[in-house]
Amino acid sequence: MNKQVNIGERYRDCTSIWSQWQVERVYLDPLGLPHAVMSSVADDMEQRTIACPTLLDRRRYERVDEDAEIAVLPPVARTGAGQRAML
């Protein structure tokens, strides 16, 4: 099993098959714990930061191939304050 998170890798939250996240950058927090800054593959305006040990926990996240199918939700429009509205 890979014990490292690399830029460009994609992961899927095991509780949500509807989204894939791509690693944009990796950094160390002040305590030395690595974190991955990720963007949603479906909507690059959405970002999240996950501790790398959490991301590598196969009970929480699954690494997916770049060519893996992405589930598509209905289109959304951005409203004020970054909120989303269904179209």
PDB file of N, CA and C in Angstrom:
ATOM      1  N   MET A   1       0.842  -1.191   0.000  1.00  0.00           N
ATOM      2  CA  MET A   1       0.000   0.000   0.000  1.00  0.00           C
ATOM      3  C   MET A   1       0.885   1.252   0.000  1.00  0.00           C
ATOM      4  N   ASN A   2       0.486   2.229  -0.775  1.00  0.00           N
ATOM      5  CA  ASN A   2       1.216   3.482  -0.857  1.00  0.00           C
ATOM      6  C   ASN A   2       1.044   4.267   0.438  1.00  0.00           C
ATOM      7  N   LYS A   3       2.135   4.691   1.049  1.00  0.00           N
ATOM      8  CA  LYS A   3       2.079   5.434   2.310  1.00  0.00           C
ATOM      9  C   LYS A   3       2.307   6.922   2.084  1.00  0.00           C
ATOM     10  N   GLN A   4       2.142   7.363   0.845  1.00  0.00           N
ATOM     11  CA  GLN A   4       2.415   8.749   0.508  1.00  0.00           C
ATOM     12  C   GLN A   4       1.292   9.275  -0.384  1.00  0.00           C
ATOM     13  N   VAL A   5       0.974  10.549  -0.226  1.00  0.00           N
ATOM     14  CA  VAL A   5      -0.022  11.212  -1.066  1.00  0.00           C
ATOM     15  C   VAL A   5       0.736  12.107  -2.033  1.00  0.00           C
ATOM     16  N   ASN A   6       0.399  12.000  -3.321  1.00  0.00           N
ATOM     17  CA  ASN A   6       1.101  12.749  -4.353  1.00  0.00           C
ATOM     18  C   ASN A   6       0.155  13.692  -5.095  1.00  0.00           C
ATOM     19  N   ILE A   7       0.699  14.796  -5.557  1.00  0.00           N
ATOM     20  CA  ILE A   7      -0.072  15.763  -6.338  1.00  0.00           C
ATOM     21  C   ILE A   7      -0.613  15.067  -7.583  1.00  0.00           C
ATOM     22  N   GLY A   8      -1.880  15.340  -7.891  1.00  0.00           N
ATOM     23  CA  GLY A   8      -2.524  14.765  -9.063  1.00  0.00           C
ATOM     24  C   GLY A   8      -3.317  13.509  -8.789  1.00  0.00           C
ATOM     25  N   GLU A   9      -3.081  12.854  -7.651  1.00  0.00           N
ATOM     26  CA  GLU A   9      -3.840  11.650  -7.332  1.00  0.00           C
ATOM     27  C   GLU A   9      -5.290  12.013  -7.035  1.00  0.00           C
ATOM     28  N   ARG A  10      -6.175  11.060  -7.323  1.00  0.00           N
ATOM     29  CA  ARG A  10      -7.600  11.263  -7.067  1.00  0.00           C
ATOM     30  C   ARG A  10      -8.084  10.280  -6.010  1.00  0.00           C
ATOM     31  N   TYR A  11      -8.991  10.783  -5.176  1.00  0.00           N
ATOM     32  CA  TYR A  11      -9.568   9.976  -4.099  1.00  0.00           C
ATOM     33  C   TYR A  11     -11.073  10.175  -4.066  1.00  0.00           C
ATOM     34  N   ARG A  12     -11.755   9.152  -3.554  1.00  0.00           N
ATOM     35  CA  ARG A  12     -13.207   9.220  -3.380  1.00  0.00           C
ATOM     36  C   ARG A  12     -13.505   8.923  -1.919  1.00  0.00           C
ATOM     37  N   ASP A  13     -14.357   9.762  -1.328  1.00  0.00           N
ATOM     38  CA  ASP A  13     -14.820   9.547   0.044  1.00  0.00           C
ATOM     39  C   ASP A  13     -15.681   8.289   0.040  1.00  0.00           C
ATOM     40  N   CYS A  14     -15.395   7.333   0.893  1.00  0.00           N
ATOM     41  CA  CYS A  14     -16.140   6.071   0.913  1.00  0.00           C
ATOM     42  C   CYS A  14     -17.619   6.256   1.254  1.00  0.00           C
ATOM     43  N   THR A  15     -17.977   7.381   1.853  1.00  0.00           N
ATOM     44  CA  THR A  15     -19.382   7.626   2.176  1.00  0.00           C
ATOM     45  C   THR A  15     -20.100   8.372   1.063  1.00  0.00           C
ATOM     46  N   SER A  16     -19.380   8.740  -0.001  1.00  0.00           N
ATOM     47  CA  SER A  16     -19.989   9.511  -1.081  1.00  0.00           C
ATOM     48  C   SER A  16     -19.403   9.104  -2.421  1.00  0.00           C
ATOM     49  N   ILE A  17     -20.112   8.242  -3.129  1.00  0.00           N
ATOM     50  CA  ILE A  17     -19.621   7.831  -4.447  1.00  0.00           C
ATOM     51  C   ILE A  17     -19.817   8.935  -5.481  1.00  0.00           C
ATOM     52  N   TRP A  18     -20.464  10.015  -5.084  1.00  0.00           N
ATOM     53  CA  TRP A  18     -20.793  11.091  -6.018  1.00  0.00           C
ATOM     54  C   TRP A  18     -19.645  12.059  -6.252  1.00  0.00           C
ATOM     55  N   SER A  19     -18.569  11.920  -5.535  1.00  0.00           N
ATOM     56  CA  SER A  19     -17.518  12.926  -5.704  1.00  0.00           C
ATOM     57  C   SER A  19     -16.139  12.302  -5.753  1.00  0.00           C
ATOM     58  N   GLN A  20     -15.285  12.941  -6.524  1.00  0.00           N
ATOM     59  CA  GLN A  20     -13.870  12.602  -6.551  1.00  0.00           C
ATOM     60  C   GLN A  20     -13.099  13.878  -6.259  1.00  0.00           C
ATOM     61  N   TRP A  21     -11.987  13.714  -5.567  1.00  0.00           N
ATOM     62  CA  TRP A  21     -11.153  14.846  -5.171  1.00  0.00           C
ATOM     63  C   TRP A  21      -9.744  14.627  -5.680  1.00  0.00           C
ATOM     64  N   GLN A  22      -9.144  15.668  -6.249  1.00  0.00           N
ATOM     65  CA  GLN A  22      -7.787  15.586  -6.775  1.00  0.00           C
ATOM     66  C   GLN A  22      -6.846  16.410  -5.902  1.00  0.00           C
ATOM     67  N   VAL A  23      -5.700  15.823  -5.579  1.00  0.00           N
ATOM     68  CA  VAL A  23      -4.710  16.488  -4.736  1.00  0.00           C
ATOM     69  C   VAL A  23      -4.051  17.620  -5.532  1.00  0.00           C
ATOM     70  N   GLU A  24      -4.148  18.839  -4.994  1.00  0.00           N
ATOM     71  CA  GLU A  24      -3.544  20.016  -5.624  1.00  0.00           C
ATOM     72  C   GLU A  24      -2.173  20.323  -5.022  1.00  0.00           C
ATOM     73  N   ARG A  25      -2.047  20.137  -3.712  1.00  0.00           N
ATOM     74  CA  ARG A  25      -0.763  20.350  -3.054  1.00  0.00           C
ATOM     75  C   ARG A  25      -0.757  19.622  -1.722  1.00  0.00           C
ATOM     76  N   VAL A  26       0.442  19.379  -1.215  1.00  0.00           N
ATOM     77  CA  VAL A  26       0.632  18.720   0.074  1.00  0.00           C
ATOM     78  C   VAL A  26       1.556  19.611   0.899  1.00  0.00           C
ATOM     79  N   TYR A  27       1.224  19.784   2.181  1.00  0.00           N
ATOM     80  CA  TYR A  27       2.061  20.612   3.061  1.00  0.00           C
ATOM     81  C   TYR A  27       2.095  20.012   4.454  1.00  0.00           C
ATOM     82  N   LEU A  28       3.050  20.444   5.242  1.00  0.00           N
ATOM     83  CA  LEU A  28       3.163  20.027   6.641  1.00  0.00           C
ATOM     84  C   LEU A  28       2.580  21.119   7.529  1.00  0.00           C
ATOM     85  N   ASP A  29       1.735  20.725   8.492  1.00  0.00           N
ATOM     86  CA  ASP A  29       1.211  21.700   9.445  1.00  0.00           C
ATOM     87  C   ASP A  29       2.307  22.004  10.480  1.00  0.00           C
ATOM     88  N   PRO A  30       2.059  22.956  11.396  1.00  0.00           N
ATOM     89  CA  PRO A  30       3.109  23.327  12.369  1.00  0.00           C
ATOM     90  C   PRO A  30       3.603  22.164  13.242  1.00  0.00           C
ATOM     91  N   LEU A  31       2.798  21.115  13.374  1.00  0.00           N
ATOM     92  CA  LEU A  31       3.210  19.955  14.174  1.00  0.00           C
ATOM     93  C   LEU A  31       3.892  18.880  13.321  1.00  0.00           C
ATOM     94  N   GLY A  32       4.023  19.147  12.017  1.00  0.00           N
ATOM     95  CA  GLY A  32       4.688  18.198  11.131  1.00  0.00           C
ATOM     96  C   GLY A  32       3.778  17.152  10.510  1.00  0.00           C
ATOM     97  N   LEU A  33       2.466  17.292  10.670  1.00  0.00           N
ATOM     98  CA  LEU A  33       1.521  16.345  10.084  1.00  0.00           C
ATOM     99  C   LEU A  33       1.209  16.765   8.645  1.00  0.00           C
ATOM    100  N   PRO A  34       1.393  15.866   7.667  1.00  0.00           N
ATOM    101  CA  PRO A  34       1.119  16.228   6.278  1.00  0.00           C
ATOM    102  C   PRO A  34      -0.381  16.331   6.000  1.00  0.00           C
ATOM    103  N   HIS A  35      -0.747  17.331   5.219  1.00  0.00           N
ATOM    104  CA  HIS A  35      -2.136  17.558   4.794  1.00  0.00           C
ATOM    105  C   HIS A  35      -2.167  17.701   3.284  1.00  0.00           C
ATOM    106  N   ALA A  36      -3.272  17.298   2.684  1.00  0.00           N
ATOM    107  CA  ALA A  36      -3.470  17.445   1.246  1.00  0.00           C
ATOM    108  C   ALA A  36      -4.585  18.454   1.010  1.00  0.00           C
ATOM    109  N   VAL A  37      -4.316  19.439   0.166  1.00  0.00           N
ATOM    110  CA  VAL A  37      -5.333  20.375  -0.281  1.00  0.00           C
ATOM    111  C   VAL A  37      -5.882  19.787  -1.568  1.00  0.00           C
ATOM    112  N   MET A  38      -7.203  19.569  -1.600  1.00  0.00           N
ATOM    113  CA  MET A  38      -7.822  18.877  -2.721  1.00  0.00           C
ATOM    114  C   MET A  38      -8.929  19.710  -3.335  1.00  0.00           C
ATOM    115  N   SER A  39      -9.134  19.527  -4.640  1.00  0.00           N
ATOM    116  CA  SER A  39     -10.224  20.181  -5.365  1.00  0.00           C
ATOM    117  C   SER A  39     -11.160  19.112  -5.897  1.00  0.00           C
ATOM    118  N   SER A  40     -12.446  19.436  -5.912  1.00  0.00           N
ATOM    119  CA  SER A  40     -13.423  18.527  -6.485  1.00  0.00           C
ATOM    120  C   SER A  40     -13.168  18.414  -7.987  1.00  0.00           C
ATOM    121  N   VAL A  41     -13.202  17.192  -8.505  1.00  0.00           N
ATOM    122  CA  VAL A  41     -13.009  16.984  -9.941  1.00  0.00           C
ATOM    123  C   VAL A  41     -14.199  17.544 -10.714  1.00  0.00           C
ATOM    124  N   ALA A  42     -15.394  17.467 -10.143  1.00  0.00           N
ATOM    125  CA  ALA A  42     -16.591  17.941 -10.816  1.00  0.00           C
ATOM    126  C   ALA A  42     -16.762  19.452 -10.724  1.00  0.00           C
ATOM    127  N   ASP A  43     -16.242  20.079  -9.671  1.00  0.00           N
ATOM    128  CA  ASP A  43     -16.413  21.521  -9.453  1.00  0.00           C
ATOM    129  C   ASP A  43     -15.170  22.052  -8.761  1.00  0.00           C
ATOM    130  N   ASP A  44     -14.231  22.591  -9.546  1.00  0.00           N
ATOM    131  CA  ASP A  44     -12.949  22.998  -8.967  1.00  0.00           C
ATOM    132  C   ASP A  44     -13.056  24.185  -8.012  1.00  0.00           C
ATOM    133  N   MET A  45     -14.251  24.764  -7.849  1.00  0.00           N
ATOM    134  CA  MET A  45     -14.458  25.812  -6.853  1.00  0.00           C
ATOM    135  C   MET A  45     -14.543  25.218  -5.446  1.00  0.00           C
ATOM    136  N   GLU A  46     -14.840  23.930  -5.362  1.00  0.00           N
ATOM    137  CA  GLU A  46     -14.929  23.259  -4.060  1.00  0.00           C
ATOM    138  C   GLU A  46     -13.564  22.707  -3.690  1.00  0.00           C
ATOM    139  N   GLN A  47     -13.119  23.025  -2.494  1.00  0.00           N
ATOM    140  CA  GLN A  47     -11.848  22.508  -2.003  1.00  0.00           C
ATOM    141  C   GLN A  47     -12.029  21.975  -0.592  1.00  0.00           C
ATOM    142  N   ARG A  48     -11.138  21.075  -0.227  1.00  0.00           N
ATOM    143  CA  ARG A  48     -11.092  20.582   1.150  1.00  0.00           C
ATOM    144  C   ARG A  48      -9.656  20.248   1.483  1.00  0.00           C
ATOM    145  N   THR A  49      -9.356  20.304   2.766  1.00  0.00           N
ATOM    146  CA  THR A  49      -8.031  19.941   3.251  1.00  0.00           C
ATOM    147  C   THR A  49      -8.195  18.737   4.175  1.00  0.00           C
ATOM    148  N   ILE A  50      -7.436  17.692   3.890  1.00  0.00           N
ATOM    149  CA  ILE A  50      -7.540  16.442   4.628  1.00  0.00           C
ATOM    150  C   ILE A  50      -6.147  16.053   5.126  1.00  0.00           C
ATOM    151  N   ALA A  51      -6.055  15.609   6.360  1.00  0.00           N
ATOM    152  CA  ALA A  51      -4.791  15.074   6.873  1.00  0.00           C
ATOM    153  C   ALA A  51      -4.448  13.818   6.067  1.00  0.00           C
ATOM    154  N   CYS A  52      -3.220  13.720   5.625  1.00  0.00           N
ATOM    155  CA  CYS A  52      -2.811  12.593   4.774  1.00  0.00           C
ATOM    156  C   CYS A  52      -3.055  11.225   5.418  1.00  0.00           C
ATOM    157  N   PRO A  53      -2.807  11.035   6.730  1.00  0.00           N
ATOM    158  CA  PRO A  53      -3.127   9.725   7.316  1.00  0.00           C
ATOM    159  C   PRO A  53      -4.618   9.374   7.183  1.00  0.00           C
ATOM    160  N   THR A  54      -5.488  10.358   7.263  1.00  0.00           N
ATOM    161  CA  THR A  54      -6.923  10.125   7.068  1.00  0.00           C
ATOM    162  C   THR A  54      -7.202   9.753   5.623  1.00  0.00           C
ATOM    163  N   LEU A  55      -6.565  10.455   4.700  1.00  0.00           N
ATOM    164  CA  LEU A  55      -6.756  10.192   3.279  1.00  0.00           C
ATOM    165  C   LEU A  55      -6.275   8.788   2.899  1.00  0.00           C
ATOM    166  N   LEU A  56      -5.258   8.298   3.557  1.00  0.00           N
ATOM    167  CA  LEU A  56      -4.712   6.971   3.257  1.00  0.00           C
ATOM    168  C   LEU A  56      -5.428   5.845   3.994  1.00  0.00           C
ATOM    169  N   ASP A  57      -6.374   6.186   4.862  1.00  0.00           N
ATOM    170  CA  ASP A  57      -7.165   5.187   5.588  1.00  0.00           C
ATOM    171  C   ASP A  57      -8.219   4.628   4.634  1.00  0.00           C
ATOM    172  N   ARG A  58      -8.067   3.385   4.215  1.00  0.00           N
ATOM    173  CA  ARG A  58      -8.962   2.801   3.214  1.00  0.00           C
ATOM    174  C   ARG A  58     -10.397   2.659   3.700  1.00  0.00           C
ATOM    175  N   ARG A  59     -10.627   2.796   4.993  1.00  0.00           N
ATOM    176  CA  ARG A  59     -12.003   2.786   5.500  1.00  0.00           C
ATOM    177  C   ARG A  59     -12.680   4.121   5.248  1.00  0.00           C
ATOM    178  N   ARG A  60     -11.895   5.171   5.010  1.00  0.00           N
ATOM    179  CA  ARG A  60     -12.430   6.526   4.826  1.00  0.00           C
ATOM    180  C   ARG A  60     -12.380   7.007   3.376  1.00  0.00           C
ATOM    181  N   TYR A  61     -11.245   6.749   2.708  1.00  0.00           N
ATOM    182  CA  TYR A  61     -11.045   7.220   1.339  1.00  0.00           C
ATOM    183  C   TYR A  61     -10.479   6.106   0.477  1.00  0.00           C
ATOM    184  N   GLU A  62     -10.829   6.147  -0.800  1.00  0.00           N
ATOM    185  CA  GLU A  62     -10.359   5.169  -1.768  1.00  0.00           C
ATOM    186  C   GLU A  62      -9.652   5.913  -2.896  1.00  0.00           C
ATOM    187  N   ARG A  63      -8.457   5.479  -3.238  1.00  0.00           N
ATOM    188  CA  ARG A  63      -7.759   6.085  -4.369  1.00  0.00           C
ATOM    189  C   ARG A  63      -8.386   5.551  -5.642  1.00  0.00           C
ATOM    190  N   VAL A  64      -8.627   6.435  -6.604  1.00  0.00           N
ATOM    191  CA  VAL A  64      -9.247   6.037  -7.864  1.00  0.00           C
ATOM    192  C   VAL A  64      -8.340   6.417  -9.025  1.00  0.00           C
ATOM    193  N   ASP A  65      -8.482   5.688 -10.117  1.00  0.00           N
ATOM    194  CA  ASP A  65      -7.736   5.995 -11.325  1.00  0.00           C
ATOM    195  C   ASP A  65      -8.256   7.283 -11.937  1.00  0.00           C
ATOM    196  N   GLU A  66      -7.394   7.964 -12.663  1.00  0.00           N
ATOM    197  CA  GLU A  66      -7.780   9.219 -13.309  1.00  0.00           C
ATOM    198  C   GLU A  66      -8.908   8.990 -14.311  1.00  0.00           C
ATOM    199  N   ASP A  67      -8.970   7.810 -14.914  1.00  0.00           N
ATOM    200  CA  ASP A  67      -9.990   7.522 -15.915  1.00  0.00           C
ATOM    201  C   ASP A  67     -11.279   6.966 -15.311  1.00  0.00           C
ATOM    202  N   ALA A  68     -11.336   6.858 -13.984  1.00  0.00           N
ATOM    203  CA  ALA A  68     -12.527   6.310 -13.338  1.00  0.00           C
ATOM    204  C   ALA A  68     -13.728   7.210 -13.606  1.00  0.00           C
ATOM    205  N   GLU A  69     -14.866   6.574 -13.761  1.00  0.00           N
ATOM    206  CA  GLU A  69     -16.090   7.322 -14.045  1.00  0.00           C
ATOM    207  C   GLU A  69     -16.453   8.216 -12.862  1.00  0.00           C
ATOM    208  N   ILE A  70     -16.889   9.422 -13.180  1.00  0.00           N
ATOM    209  CA  ILE A  70     -17.310  10.374 -12.159  1.00  0.00           C
ATOM    210  C   ILE A  70     -18.830  10.459 -12.206  1.00  0.00           C
ATOM    211  N   ALA A  71     -19.451  10.213 -11.077  1.00  0.00           N
ATOM    212  CA  ALA A  71     -20.907  10.346 -11.012  1.00  0.00           C
ATOM    213  C   ALA A  71     -21.261  11.818 -11.187  1.00  0.00           C
ATOM    214  N   VAL A  72     -22.279  12.081 -11.976  1.00  0.00           N
ATOM    215  CA  VAL A  72     -22.638  13.460 -12.283  1.00  0.00           C
ATOM    216  C   VAL A  72     -23.968  13.796 -11.612  1.00  0.00           C
ATOM    217  N   LEU A  73     -23.958  14.856 -10.847  1.00  0.00           N
ATOM    218  CA  LEU A  73     -25.166  15.355 -10.212  1.00  0.00           C
ATOM    219  C   LEU A  73     -25.812  16.387 -11.126  1.00  0.00           C
ATOM    220  N   PRO A  74     -27.075  16.758 -10.877  1.00  0.00           N
ATOM    221  CA  PRO A  74     -27.709  17.799 -11.682  1.00  0.00           C
ATOM    222  C   PRO A  74     -26.898  19.086 -11.626  1.00  0.00           C
ATOM    223  N   PRO A  75     -26.950  19.902 -12.684  1.00  0.00           N
ATOM    224  CA  PRO A  75     -26.186  21.152 -12.689  1.00  0.00           C
ATOM    225  C   PRO A  75     -26.597  22.068 -11.549  1.00  0.00           C
ATOM    226  N   VAL A  76     -25.653  22.856 -11.094  1.00  0.00           N
ATOM    227  CA  VAL A  76     -25.915  23.801 -10.013  1.00  0.00           C
ATOM    228  C   VAL A  76     -25.443  25.182 -10.435  1.00  0.00           C
ATOM    229  N   ALA A  77     -26.005  26.179  -9.810  1.00  0.00           N
ATOM    230  CA  ALA A  77     -25.573  27.554 -10.056  1.00  0.00           C
ATOM    231  C   ALA A  77     -25.081  28.124  -8.740  1.00  0.00           C
ATOM    232  N   ARG A  78     -24.069  28.923  -8.799  1.00  0.00           N
ATOM    233  CA  ARG A  78     -23.557  29.575  -7.599  1.00  0.00           C
ATOM    234  C   ARG A  78     -24.447  30.762  -7.258  1.00  0.00           C
ATOM    235  N   THR A  79     -24.756  30.876  -5.984  1.00  0.00           N
ATOM    236  CA  THR A  79     -25.493  32.034  -5.496  1.00  0.00           C
ATOM    237  C   THR A  79     -24.533  32.832  -4.623  1.00  0.00           C
ATOM    238  N   GLY A  80     -24.999  33.859  -3.999  1.00  0.00           N
ATOM    239  CA  GLY A  80     -24.129  34.655  -3.128  1.00  0.00           C
ATOM    240  C   GLY A  80     -23.537  33.836  -2.013  1.00  0.00           C
ATOM    241  N   ALA A  81     -22.410  34.270  -1.489  1.00  0.00           N
ATOM    242  CA  ALA A  81     -21.714  33.663  -0.355  1.00  0.00           C
ATOM    243  C   ALA A  81     -21.307  32.215  -0.625  1.00  0.00           C
ATOM    244  N   GLY A  82     -21.080  31.876  -1.907  1.00  0.00           N
ATOM    245  CA  GLY A  82     -20.584  30.556  -2.237  1.00  0.00           C
ATOM    246  C   GLY A  82     -21.587  29.433  -2.120  1.00  0.00           C
ATOM    247  N   GLN A  83     -22.859  29.754  -1.886  1.00  0.00           N
ATOM    248  CA  GLN A  83     -23.876  28.725  -1.769  1.00  0.00           C
ATOM    249  C   GLN A  83     -24.268  28.242  -3.159  1.00  0.00           C
ATOM    250  N   ARG A  84     -24.814  27.029  -3.215  1.00  0.00           N
ATOM    251  CA  ARG A  84     -25.181  26.438  -4.495  1.00  0.00           C
ATOM    252  C   ARG A  84     -26.692  26.285  -4.559  1.00  0.00           C
ATOM    253  N   ALA A  85     -27.242  26.496  -5.736  1.00  0.00           N
ATOM    254  CA  ALA A  85     -28.684  26.302  -5.950  1.00  0.00           C
ATOM    255  C   ALA A  85     -28.860  25.341  -7.104  1.00  0.00           C
ATOM    256  N   MET A  86     -29.797  24.419  -6.984  1.00  0.00           N
ATOM    257  CA  MET A  86     -30.075  23.471  -8.055  1.00  0.00           C
ATOM    258  C   MET A  86     -30.747  24.195  -9.218  1.00  0.00           C
ATOM    259  N   LEU A  87     -30.394  23.834 -10.427  1.00  0.00           N
ATOM    260  CA  LEU A  87     -31.020  24.429 -11.616  1.00  0.00           C
ATOM    261  C   LEU A  87     -32.188  23.589 -12.050  1.00  0.00           C
TER     262      LEU A  87
END
